């Protein structure tokens, strides 16, 4: 799907998560840049970008994108239920941004 539809930002952002989980940060960052250039206001893409950043260890960026995703309509419950995001959700900096 990703190769067939390179403009599918949801698929591309999901791939960024997979690359991050596989410690292929260079490829994850490339996908993140593409997604943000094409869909900087899509809450699903923003949440995926935040998750990829969290997996790569960039908590500040992860907080930024997850908080923006929630402000754009992404359900906070979805963030909180993701095992990759437990520490981020507990971070006081994130809590401050989503209240």
C-alpha atoms as a PDB file:
ATOM      1  CA  UNK A   1       0.000   0.000   0.000  1.00  0.00           C
ATOM      2  CA  UNK A   2       2.746   2.449   0.930  1.00  0.00           C
ATOM      3  CA  UNK A   3       4.617   1.885  -2.321  1.00  0.00           C
ATOM      4  CA  UNK A   4       1.430   2.085  -4.374  1.00  0.00           C
ATOM      5  CA  UNK A   5       0.164   5.261  -2.689  1.00  0.00           C
ATOM      6  CA  UNK A   6       3.132   7.330  -1.511  1.00  0.00           C
ATOM      7  CA  UNK A   7       0.778  10.257  -0.822  1.00  0.00           C
ATOM      8  CA  UNK A   8      -1.170   8.204   1.750  1.00  0.00           C
ATOM      9  CA  UNK A   9       0.057  10.033   4.844  1.00  0.00           C
ATOM     10  CA  UNK A  10      -1.662   7.711   7.291  1.00  0.00           C
ATOM     11  CA  UNK A  11       0.131   4.722   5.790  1.00  0.00           C
ATOM     12  CA  UNK A  12       3.408   6.636   5.646  1.00  0.00           C
ATOM     13  CA  UNK A  13       3.103   7.747   9.277  1.00  0.00           C
ATOM     14  CA  UNK A  14       2.334   4.177  10.351  1.00  0.00           C
ATOM     15  CA  UNK A  15       5.478   3.111   8.530  1.00  0.00           C
ATOM     16  CA  UNK A  16       7.389   5.750  10.524  1.00  0.00           C
ATOM     17  CA  UNK A  17       6.269   4.016  13.730  1.00  0.00           C
ATOM     18  CA  UNK A  18       7.408   0.657  12.400  1.00  0.00           C
ATOM     19  CA  UNK A  19      10.790   2.034  11.336  1.00  0.00           C
ATOM     20  CA  UNK A  20      11.227   3.669  14.747  1.00  0.00           C
ATOM     21  CA  UNK A  21      10.383   0.411  16.516  1.00  0.00           C
ATOM     22  CA  UNK A  22      12.939  -1.339  14.324  1.00  0.00           C
ATOM     23  CA  UNK A  23      15.590   1.269  15.302  1.00  0.00           C
ATOM     24  CA  UNK A  24      15.752   2.568  11.731  1.00  0.00           C
ATOM     25  CA  UNK A  25      15.495   6.168  12.858  1.00  0.00           C
ATOM     26  CA  UNK A  26      16.805   7.666   9.631  1.00  0.00           C
ATOM     27  CA  UNK A  27      13.979   6.059   7.671  1.00  0.00           C
ATOM     28  CA  UNK A  28      11.428   6.972  10.356  1.00  0.00           C
ATOM     29  CA  UNK A  29      12.525  10.606  10.280  1.00  0.00           C
ATOM     30  CA  UNK A  30      12.267  10.675   6.501  1.00  0.00           C
ATOM     31  CA  UNK A  31       8.675   9.389   6.668  1.00  0.00           C
ATOM     32  CA  UNK A  32       7.846  11.903   9.408  1.00  0.00           C
ATOM     33  CA  UNK A  33       9.143  14.805   7.318  1.00  0.00           C
ATOM     34  CA  UNK A  34       7.076  13.676   4.331  1.00  0.00           C
ATOM     35  CA  UNK A  35       3.915  13.239   6.393  1.00  0.00           C
ATOM     36  CA  UNK A  36       4.217  16.611   8.070  1.00  0.00           C
ATOM     37  CA  UNK A  37       4.815  18.300   4.721  1.00  0.00           C
ATOM     38  CA  UNK A  38       1.643  16.730   3.290  1.00  0.00           C
ATOM     39  CA  UNK A  39      -0.713  16.593   6.282  1.00  0.00           C
ATOM     40  CA  UNK A  40       0.501  18.816   9.111  1.00  0.00           C
ATOM     41  CA  UNK A  41      -3.025  19.188  10.520  1.00  0.00           C
ATOM     42  CA  UNK A  42      -4.298  15.602  10.272  1.00  0.00           C
ATOM     43  CA  UNK A  43      -4.807  14.412  13.862  1.00  0.00           C
ATOM     44  CA  UNK A  44      -4.189  10.747  12.992  1.00  0.00           C
ATOM     45  CA  UNK A  45      -0.922  11.562  11.257  1.00  0.00           C
ATOM     46  CA  UNK A  46       0.134  13.872  14.099  1.00  0.00           C
ATOM     47  CA  UNK A  47      -0.500  11.139  16.635  1.00  0.00           C
ATOM     48  CA  UNK A  48       1.507   8.631  14.607  1.00  0.00           C
ATOM     49  CA  UNK A  49       4.346  11.138  14.317  1.00  0.00           C
ATOM     50  CA  UNK A  50       4.226  11.660  18.072  1.00  0.00           C
ATOM     51  CA  UNK A  51       4.346   7.926  18.673  1.00  0.00           C
ATOM     52  CA  UNK A  52       7.316   7.486  16.348  1.00  0.00           C
ATOM     53  CA  UNK A  53       9.127  10.336  18.108  1.00  0.00           C
ATOM     54  CA  UNK A  54       8.405   8.774  21.501  1.00  0.00           C
ATOM     55  CA  UNK A  55       9.738   5.409  20.356  1.00  0.00           C
ATOM     56  CA  UNK A  56      12.893   7.133  19.076  1.00  0.00           C
ATOM     57  CA  UNK A  57      13.362   8.799  22.448  1.00  0.00           C
ATOM     58  CA  UNK A  58      12.477  12.379  21.514  1.00  0.00           C
ATOM     59  CA  UNK A  59       9.934  13.073  24.247  1.00  0.00           C
ATOM     60  CA  UNK A  60       9.683  16.819  23.585  1.00  0.00           C
ATOM     61  CA  UNK A  61       8.746  16.318  19.945  1.00  0.00           C
ATOM     62  CA  UNK A  62       6.409  13.483  20.895  1.00  0.00           C
ATOM     63  CA  UNK A  63       4.612  15.718  23.393  1.00  0.00           C
ATOM     64  CA  UNK A  64       4.340  18.483  20.815  1.00  0.00           C
ATOM     65  CA  UNK A  65       2.755  16.285  18.168  1.00  0.00           C
ATOM     66  CA  UNK A  66       0.520  14.266  20.491  1.00  0.00           C
ATOM     67  CA  UNK A  67      -0.815  17.429  22.123  1.00  0.00           C
ATOM     68  CA  UNK A  68      -1.450  18.960  18.701  1.00  0.00           C
ATOM     69  CA  UNK A  69      -3.227  15.772  17.600  1.00  0.00           C
ATOM     70  CA  UNK A  70      -5.519  15.952  20.644  1.00  0.00           C
ATOM     71  CA  UNK A  71      -6.240  19.646  20.020  1.00  0.00           C
ATOM     72  CA  UNK A  72      -7.124  18.743  16.403  1.00  0.00           C
ATOM     73  CA  UNK A  73      -9.629  16.117  17.554  1.00  0.00           C
ATOM     74  CA  UNK A  74      -7.651  12.943  18.196  1.00  0.00           C
ATOM     75  CA  UNK A  75      -9.089  11.179  21.238  1.00  0.00           C
ATOM     76  CA  UNK A  76      -6.917  11.464  24.337  1.00  0.00           C
ATOM     77  CA  UNK A  77      -8.235   8.026  25.283  1.00  0.00           C
ATOM     78  CA  UNK A  78      -6.550   6.587  22.183  1.00  0.00           C
ATOM     79  CA  UNK A  79      -3.216   8.059  23.217  1.00  0.00           C
ATOM     80  CA  UNK A  80      -3.621   6.837  26.795  1.00  0.00           C
ATOM     81  CA  UNK A  81      -4.473   3.288  25.717  1.00  0.00           C
ATOM     82  CA  UNK A  82      -1.397   2.902  23.492  1.00  0.00           C
ATOM     83  CA  UNK A  83       1.308   0.933  25.340  1.00  0.00           C
ATOM     84  CA  UNK A  84       4.024   2.965  23.601  1.00  0.00           C
ATOM     85  CA  UNK A  85       2.583   6.168  25.039  1.00  0.00           C
ATOM     86  CA  UNK A  86       2.122   5.326  28.744  1.00  0.00           C
ATOM     87  CA  UNK A  87       5.150   7.315  29.911  1.00  0.00           C
ATOM     88  CA  UNK A  88       4.291  10.262  27.685  1.00  0.00           C
ATOM     89  CA  UNK A  89       0.708  10.429  28.974  1.00  0.00           C
ATOM     90  CA  UNK A  90       2.051  10.473  32.543  1.00  0.00           C
ATOM     91  CA  UNK A  91       4.505  13.287  31.753  1.00  0.00           C
ATOM     92  CA  UNK A  92       3.377  16.535  33.442  1.00  0.00           C
ATOM     93  CA  UNK A  93       4.419  18.510  30.342  1.00  0.00           C
ATOM     94  CA  UNK A  94       1.928  16.583  28.239  1.00  0.00           C
ATOM     95  CA  UNK A  95      -0.809  16.838  30.854  1.00  0.00           C
ATOM     96  CA  UNK A  96      -0.337  20.610  30.944  1.00  0.00           C
ATOM     97  CA  UNK A  97      -0.787  20.912  27.169  1.00  0.00           C
ATOM     98  CA  UNK A  98      -3.937  18.815  26.875  1.00  0.00           C
ATOM     99  CA  UNK A  99      -5.942  20.290  29.762  1.00  0.00           C
END
